């Protein structure tokens, strides 16, 4: 993942200059919109004191750049963290936990949600093994591959029955985004605790 500096200016005197660091490679208006929707954007309005406000925005971008560097460091550490079948199962169980059984529910009556969670784990495990880029020597069999397996499943399979607009919203803002955040958080927990 590469960080990019995005600067958008309306050139009309009314539209503020918008500045941000993003991992979205901007090549057209659609990707400009996508990049601006993700995370904080510094907006500097035209007028008196604009130069000073631009310097303030530049300082804040330095903080964001440090966050991106931290993300890159975590990603590299995940790519060096070896996984095996047992660790993968534990990780995926944390990301997609079994639902709690209701007190009066007979053990032989399983919640439909239980099957959904099992499917999520099975498909994420498939992408851990066969996902795009997970076959590379420095990725295969690592925590990074496990995180990528969840991400690829959520982005390309879990939401495949939705319209393009609904899929986009689900992946970036809805349930898909929540699952991916949970998967990333769980991977970070593994790194911090040194889960064996």
Protein backbone atom coordinates (compact mmCIF):
# COMPACT_ATOMS: atom_id res chain seq x y z
CA UNK A 1 0.00 0.00 0.00
CA UNK A 2 1.35 3.36 -1.01
CA UNK A 3 0.41 6.68 0.59
CA UNK A 4 -0.41 9.56 -1.77
CA UNK A 5 -0.73 13.28 -1.13
CA UNK A 6 -3.99 14.60 -2.58
CA UNK A 7 -4.52 18.31 -3.16
CA UNK A 8 -7.86 19.45 -4.61
CA UNK A 9 -8.50 23.09 -5.52
CA UNK A 10 -11.68 24.40 -7.13
CA UNK A 11 -9.95 27.45 -8.69
CA UNK A 12 -13.14 29.46 -8.22
CA UNK A 13 -12.24 31.28 -5.00
CA UNK A 14 -15.16 29.70 -3.14
CA UNK A 15 -14.24 26.02 -3.03
CA UNK A 16 -11.68 25.38 -0.28
CA UNK A 17 -8.35 23.76 -0.97
CA UNK A 18 -8.61 20.17 0.27
CA UNK A 19 -5.45 18.35 1.36
CA UNK A 20 -5.03 14.81 2.63
CA UNK A 21 -2.85 11.75 2.67
CA UNK A 22 -4.63 8.73 1.25
CA UNK A 23 -3.93 5.21 0.02
CA UNK A 24 -6.35 5.77 -2.88
CA UNK A 25 -4.49 6.33 -6.15
CA UNK A 26 -6.46 9.19 -7.70
CA UNK A 27 -6.85 8.90 -11.47
CA UNK A 28 -10.33 10.33 -12.10
CA UNK A 29 -13.21 12.19 -10.46
CA UNK A 30 -14.62 8.96 -8.97
CA UNK A 31 -11.36 8.20 -7.16
CA UNK A 32 -11.12 11.84 -5.99
CA UNK A 33 -14.55 11.43 -4.38
CA UNK A 34 -13.57 8.08 -2.88
CA UNK A 35 -10.32 9.46 -1.45
CA UNK A 36 -12.04 12.52 0.03
CA UNK A 37 -14.70 10.34 1.70
CA UNK A 38 -12.13 8.24 3.57
CA UNK A 39 -10.75 9.75 6.73
CA UNK A 40 -10.09 13.36 7.67
CA UNK A 41 -9.44 16.01 5.05
CA UNK A 42 -7.85 19.38 5.72
CA UNK A 43 -9.86 22.21 4.17
CA UNK A 44 -8.34 25.66 3.78
CA UNK A 45 -10.66 28.40 2.57
CA UNK A 46 -9.39 31.09 0.25
CA UNK A 47 -8.92 34.51 1.79
CA UNK A 48 -6.89 36.35 4.36
CA UNK A 49 -4.51 34.19 6.37
CA UNK A 50 -4.71 31.35 3.85
CA UNK A 51 -0.93 30.89 3.76
CA UNK A 52 -0.77 30.46 7.55
CA UNK A 53 -3.67 27.98 7.51
CA UNK A 54 -1.90 25.99 4.76
CA UNK A 55 1.17 25.69 7.01
CA UNK A 56 -1.09 24.45 9.83
CA UNK A 57 -2.58 21.87 7.49
CA UNK A 58 0.92 20.75 6.49
CA UNK A 59 1.79 20.16 10.17
CA UNK A 60 -1.34 18.07 10.64
CA UNK A 61 -0.47 16.06 7.53
CA UNK A 62 2.80 15.19 9.25
CA UNK A 63 0.76 13.57 12.04
CA UNK A 64 -1.29 11.64 9.48
CA UNK A 65 1.91 10.57 7.75
CA UNK A 66 3.14 9.16 11.07
CA UNK A 67 -0.10 7.16 11.35
CA UNK A 68 0.41 5.76 7.85
CA UNK A 69 3.99 4.83 8.78
CA UNK A 70 2.61 3.05 11.87
CA UNK A 71 0.15 1.15 9.67
CA UNK A 72 2.96 0.13 7.32
CA UNK A 73 5.05 -1.06 10.28
CA UNK A 74 2.11 -3.14 11.59
CA UNK A 75 1.52 -4.60 8.14
CA UNK A 76 5.16 -5.63 7.84
CA UNK A 77 5.07 -7.19 11.32
CA UNK A 78 1.93 -9.14 10.35
CA UNK A 79 3.73 -10.42 7.25
CA UNK A 80 6.48 -11.78 9.52
CA UNK A 81 4.07 -13.43 11.97
CA UNK A 82 3.73 -17.11 11.03
CA UNK A 83 0.34 -18.76 11.18
CA UNK A 84 -0.70 -22.37 10.96
CA UNK A 85 -4.09 -24.10 10.88
CA UNK A 86 -4.65 -23.83 14.65
CA UNK A 87 -3.68 -20.14 14.82
CA UNK A 88 -5.78 -19.37 11.75
CA UNK A 89 -8.81 -21.06 13.32
CA UNK A 90 -8.32 -19.09 16.56
CA UNK A 91 -7.96 -15.82 14.65
CA UNK A 92 -11.04 -16.43 12.49
CA UNK A 93 -13.06 -17.49 15.55
CA UNK A 94 -12.21 -14.14 17.14
CA UNK A 95 -13.23 -12.23 14.01
CA UNK A 96 -16.39 -14.31 13.42
CA UNK A 97 -17.38 -15.65 16.86
CA UNK A 98 -20.17 -18.17 17.36
CA UNK A 99 -23.36 -16.55 18.63
CA UNK A 100 -24.31 -17.10 22.26
CA UNK A 101 -26.88 -19.85 22.74
CA UNK A 102 -30.09 -18.68 24.39
CA UNK A 103 -30.67 -20.14 27.89
CA UNK A 104 -33.81 -22.11 26.93
CA UNK A 105 -32.60 -23.16 23.48
CA UNK A 106 -32.05 -26.93 23.11
CA UNK A 107 -28.46 -27.85 22.13
CA UNK A 108 -29.63 -29.59 18.97
CA UNK A 109 -31.34 -26.41 17.67
CA UNK A 110 -28.61 -24.26 16.20
CA UNK A 111 -29.05 -20.61 15.49
CA UNK A 112 -29.06 -19.72 11.76
CA UNK A 113 -26.37 -17.19 12.68
CA UNK A 114 -24.08 -20.06 13.71
CA UNK A 115 -24.08 -21.37 10.15
CA UNK A 116 -23.45 -17.87 8.82
CA UNK A 117 -20.41 -17.45 11.08
CA UNK A 118 -19.07 -20.87 10.07
CA UNK A 119 -19.42 -19.92 6.41
CA UNK A 120 -17.58 -16.62 7.03
CA UNK A 121 -14.71 -18.52 8.67
CA UNK A 122 -14.59 -21.19 5.95
CA UNK A 123 -14.56 -18.70 3.09
CA UNK A 124 -12.00 -16.44 4.81
CA UNK A 125 -9.78 -19.49 5.32
CA UNK A 126 -10.13 -20.26 1.61
CA UNK A 127 -8.90 -16.76 0.72
CA UNK A 128 -6.10 -17.10 3.29
CA UNK A 129 -4.84 -20.02 1.18
CA UNK A 130 -5.91 -18.94 -2.32
CA UNK A 131 -6.50 -15.18 -2.17
CA UNK A 132 -4.86 -12.65 -4.44
CA UNK A 133 -1.26 -12.14 -3.41
CA UNK A 134 -1.44 -14.59 -0.50
CA UNK A 135 0.65 -17.10 -2.46
CA UNK A 136 3.69 -14.79 -2.42
CA UNK A 137 6.58 -16.19 -0.34
CA UNK A 138 6.69 -13.22 2.05
CA UNK A 139 2.90 -13.35 2.61
CA UNK A 140 1.92 -17.03 2.50
CA UNK A 141 1.05 -18.53 5.87
CA UNK A 142 1.24 -15.25 7.81
CA UNK A 143 -1.07 -13.10 9.89
CA UNK A 144 -1.07 -10.63 6.98
CA UNK A 145 -2.46 -13.39 4.73
CA UNK A 146 -5.16 -14.11 7.33
CA UNK A 147 -6.18 -10.44 7.43
CA UNK A 148 -6.13 -10.28 3.63
CA UNK A 149 -8.25 -13.44 3.50
CA UNK A 150 -10.97 -11.77 5.56
CA UNK A 151 -10.71 -8.57 3.54
CA UNK A 152 -10.93 -10.30 0.17
CA UNK A 153 -13.89 -12.39 1.32
CA UNK A 154 -15.76 -9.31 2.59
CA UNK A 155 -14.95 -7.09 -0.41
CA UNK A 156 -15.45 -9.61 -3.22
CA UNK A 157 -17.77 -12.37 -2.06
CA UNK A 158 -19.82 -11.37 0.97
CA UNK A 159 -21.25 -8.32 -0.78
CA UNK A 160 -21.42 -9.77 -4.31
CA UNK A 161 -25.24 -10.02 -4.26
CA UNK A 162 -25.68 -6.27 -3.76
CA UNK A 163 -26.04 -3.52 -6.34
CA UNK A 164 -22.78 -1.67 -7.07
CA UNK A 165 -23.83 1.32 -4.94
CA UNK A 166 -24.96 -0.83 -1.99
CA UNK A 167 -21.81 -2.93 -2.28
CA UNK A 168 -19.63 0.19 -2.26
CA UNK A 169 -21.39 1.52 0.85
CA UNK A 170 -21.25 -1.87 2.63
CA UNK A 171 -17.55 -2.33 1.92
CA UNK A 172 -16.50 1.20 2.91
CA UNK A 173 -19.00 2.22 5.57
CA UNK A 174 -21.35 -0.61 6.51
CA UNK A 175 -21.12 -4.14 7.83
CA UNK A 176 -18.19 -5.02 5.57
CA UNK A 177 -16.15 -2.13 6.90
CA UNK A 178 -16.99 -3.14 10.48
CA UNK A 179 -15.82 -6.72 9.87
CA UNK A 180 -12.57 -5.51 8.30
CA UNK A 181 -11.93 -3.14 11.21
CA UNK A 182 -12.53 -5.99 13.64
CA UNK A 183 -10.15 -8.24 11.68
CA UNK A 184 -7.45 -5.55 11.66
CA UNK A 185 -7.93 -4.82 15.37
CA UNK A 186 -7.69 -8.54 16.19
CA UNK A 187 -4.47 -8.83 14.15
CA UNK A 188 -3.03 -5.84 16.04
CA UNK A 189 -3.96 -7.50 19.34
CA UNK A 190 -2.06 -10.63 18.25
CA UNK A 191 1.01 -8.53 17.46
CA UNK A 192 0.91 -6.68 20.78
CA UNK A 193 0.32 -9.74 22.91
CA UNK A 194 2.53 -12.03 20.88
CA UNK A 195 -0.25 -14.64 20.74
CA UNK A 196 1.28 -18.06 20.19
